[in-house]
Amino acid sequence: MDGRLGMIVDGTARDVNKIKKEKKELEEIGYDCYMVFVNTTLPVAQQRNKKRSRRLPPKLLAKSWNQV
């Protein structure tokens, strides 16, 4: 951040207040911020999770997906 390099922040929308705070802080120091929301069905999310090297337990993934 301090070097003003471009960055990508990857995360879920589970904690909207945290995202808002981070976005505000970045804009205050001069960053332009853009957000992308990728929507998928729970079955697709579960299928993709199975292919990842860092997998979440299916129940945890479903809970997170439902919160978003």
C-alpha atoms as a PDB file:
ATOM      1  CA  MET A   1       0.000   0.000   0.000  1.00  0.00           C
ATOM      2  CA  ASP A   2       2.664   2.487   0.960  1.00  0.00           C
ATOM      3  CA  GLY A   3       4.447   2.047  -2.364  1.00  0.00           C
ATOM      4  CA  ARG A   4       1.228   2.851  -4.228  1.00  0.00           C
ATOM      5  CA  LEU A   5       1.476  -0.343  -6.242  1.00  0.00           C
ATOM      6  CA  GLY A   6      -1.636  -1.773  -7.831  1.00  0.00           C
ATOM      7  CA  MET A   7      -3.252  -4.547  -5.857  1.00  0.00           C
ATOM      8  CA  ILE A   8      -6.108  -6.974  -5.913  1.00  0.00           C
ATOM      9  CA  VAL A   9      -7.961  -7.703  -2.699  1.00  0.00           C
ATOM     10  CA  ASP A  10      -9.712 -11.053  -2.929  1.00  0.00           C
ATOM     11  CA  GLY A  11     -12.393 -12.034  -0.475  1.00  0.00           C
ATOM     12  CA  THR A  12     -16.010 -12.766   0.149  1.00  0.00           C
ATOM     13  CA  ALA A  13     -18.724 -10.265   0.972  1.00  0.00           C
ATOM     14  CA  ARG A  14     -19.283 -11.965   4.312  1.00  0.00           C
ATOM     15  CA  ASP A  15     -18.074  -8.917   6.286  1.00  0.00           C
ATOM     16  CA  VAL A  16     -19.350  -5.892   4.379  1.00  0.00           C
ATOM     17  CA  ASN A  17     -18.232  -3.415   7.046  1.00  0.00           C
ATOM     18  CA  LYS A  18     -14.648  -4.680   6.809  1.00  0.00           C
ATOM     19  CA  ILE A  19     -14.680  -4.253   3.025  1.00  0.00           C
ATOM     20  CA  LYS A  20     -16.117  -0.734   3.320  1.00  0.00           C
ATOM     21  CA  LYS A  21     -13.422   0.227   5.852  1.00  0.00           C
ATOM     22  CA  GLU A  22     -10.589  -1.119   3.695  1.00  0.00           C
ATOM     23  CA  LYS A  23     -11.974   0.597   0.585  1.00  0.00           C
ATOM     24  CA  LYS A  24     -12.292   3.927   2.428  1.00  0.00           C
ATOM     25  CA  GLU A  25      -8.723   3.698   3.753  1.00  0.00           C
ATOM     26  CA  LEU A  26      -7.349   2.966   0.292  1.00  0.00           C
ATOM     27  CA  GLU A  27      -9.280   5.842  -1.285  1.00  0.00           C
ATOM     28  CA  GLU A  28      -8.066   8.218   1.436  1.00  0.00           C
ATOM     29  CA  ILE A  29      -4.448   7.588   0.425  1.00  0.00           C
ATOM     30  CA  GLY A  30      -5.168   8.016  -3.274  1.00  0.00           C
ATOM     31  CA  TYR A  31      -6.183   4.635  -4.658  1.00  0.00           C
ATOM     32  CA  ASP A  32      -8.964   4.289  -7.206  1.00  0.00           C
ATOM     33  CA  CYS A  33     -11.081   1.326  -6.155  1.00  0.00           C
ATOM     34  CA  TYR A  34     -13.260  -0.928  -8.235  1.00  0.00           C
ATOM     35  CA  MET A  35     -15.252  -3.903  -7.065  1.00  0.00           C
ATOM     36  CA  VAL A  36     -16.284  -7.023  -8.916  1.00  0.00           C
ATOM     37  CA  PHE A  37     -18.965  -9.354  -7.627  1.00  0.00           C
ATOM     38  CA  VAL A  38     -18.942 -12.877  -9.004  1.00  0.00           C
ATOM     39  CA  ASN A  39     -22.157 -14.751  -8.351  1.00  0.00           C
ATOM     40  CA  THR A  40     -22.351 -18.527  -8.576  1.00  0.00           C
ATOM     41  CA  THR A  41     -24.687 -21.225  -7.400  1.00  0.00           C
ATOM     42  CA  LEU A  42     -23.877 -23.268  -4.313  1.00  0.00           C
ATOM     43  CA  PRO A  43     -23.422 -26.495  -6.346  1.00  0.00           C
ATOM     44  CA  VAL A  44     -20.889 -24.744  -8.605  1.00  0.00           C
ATOM     45  CA  ALA A  45     -19.078 -23.306  -5.586  1.00  0.00           C
ATOM     46  CA  GLN A  46     -18.906 -26.774  -4.016  1.00  0.00           C
ATOM     47  CA  GLN A  47     -17.608 -28.272  -7.274  1.00  0.00           C
ATOM     48  CA  ARG A  48     -14.894 -25.606  -7.606  1.00  0.00           C
ATOM     49  CA  ASN A  49     -13.931 -26.057  -3.962  1.00  0.00           C
ATOM     50  CA  LYS A  50     -13.220 -29.759  -4.575  1.00  0.00           C
ATOM     51  CA  LYS A  51     -10.670 -28.811  -7.263  1.00  0.00           C
ATOM     52  CA  ARG A  52      -8.745 -26.349  -5.090  1.00  0.00           C
ATOM     53  CA  SER A  53      -5.569 -27.222  -3.233  1.00  0.00           C
ATOM     54  CA  ARG A  54      -6.807 -25.227  -0.211  1.00  0.00           C
ATOM     55  CA  ARG A  55     -10.285 -26.664   0.329  1.00  0.00           C
ATOM     56  CA  LEU A  56     -12.934 -25.612   2.794  1.00  0.00           C
ATOM     57  CA  PRO A  57     -15.104 -28.202   4.509  1.00  0.00           C
ATOM     58  CA  PRO A  58     -18.362 -28.421   2.484  1.00  0.00           C
ATOM     59  CA  LYS A  59     -20.516 -27.319   5.442  1.00  0.00           C
ATOM     60  CA  LEU A  60     -18.336 -24.263   6.077  1.00  0.00           C
ATOM     61  CA  LEU A  61     -18.400 -23.331   2.400  1.00  0.00           C
ATOM     62  CA  ALA A  62     -22.218 -23.629   2.363  1.00  0.00           C
ATOM     63  CA  LYS A  63     -22.502 -21.465   5.496  1.00  0.00           C
ATOM     64  CA  SER A  64     -20.263 -18.772   3.978  1.00  0.00           C
ATOM     65  CA  TRP A  65     -22.099 -18.935   0.653  1.00  0.00           C
ATOM     66  CA  ASN A  66     -25.458 -18.487   2.407  1.00  0.00           C
ATOM     67  CA  GLN A  67     -24.171 -15.523   4.434  1.00  0.00           C
ATOM     68  CA  VAL A  68     -23.085 -13.722   1.273  1.00  0.00           C
END
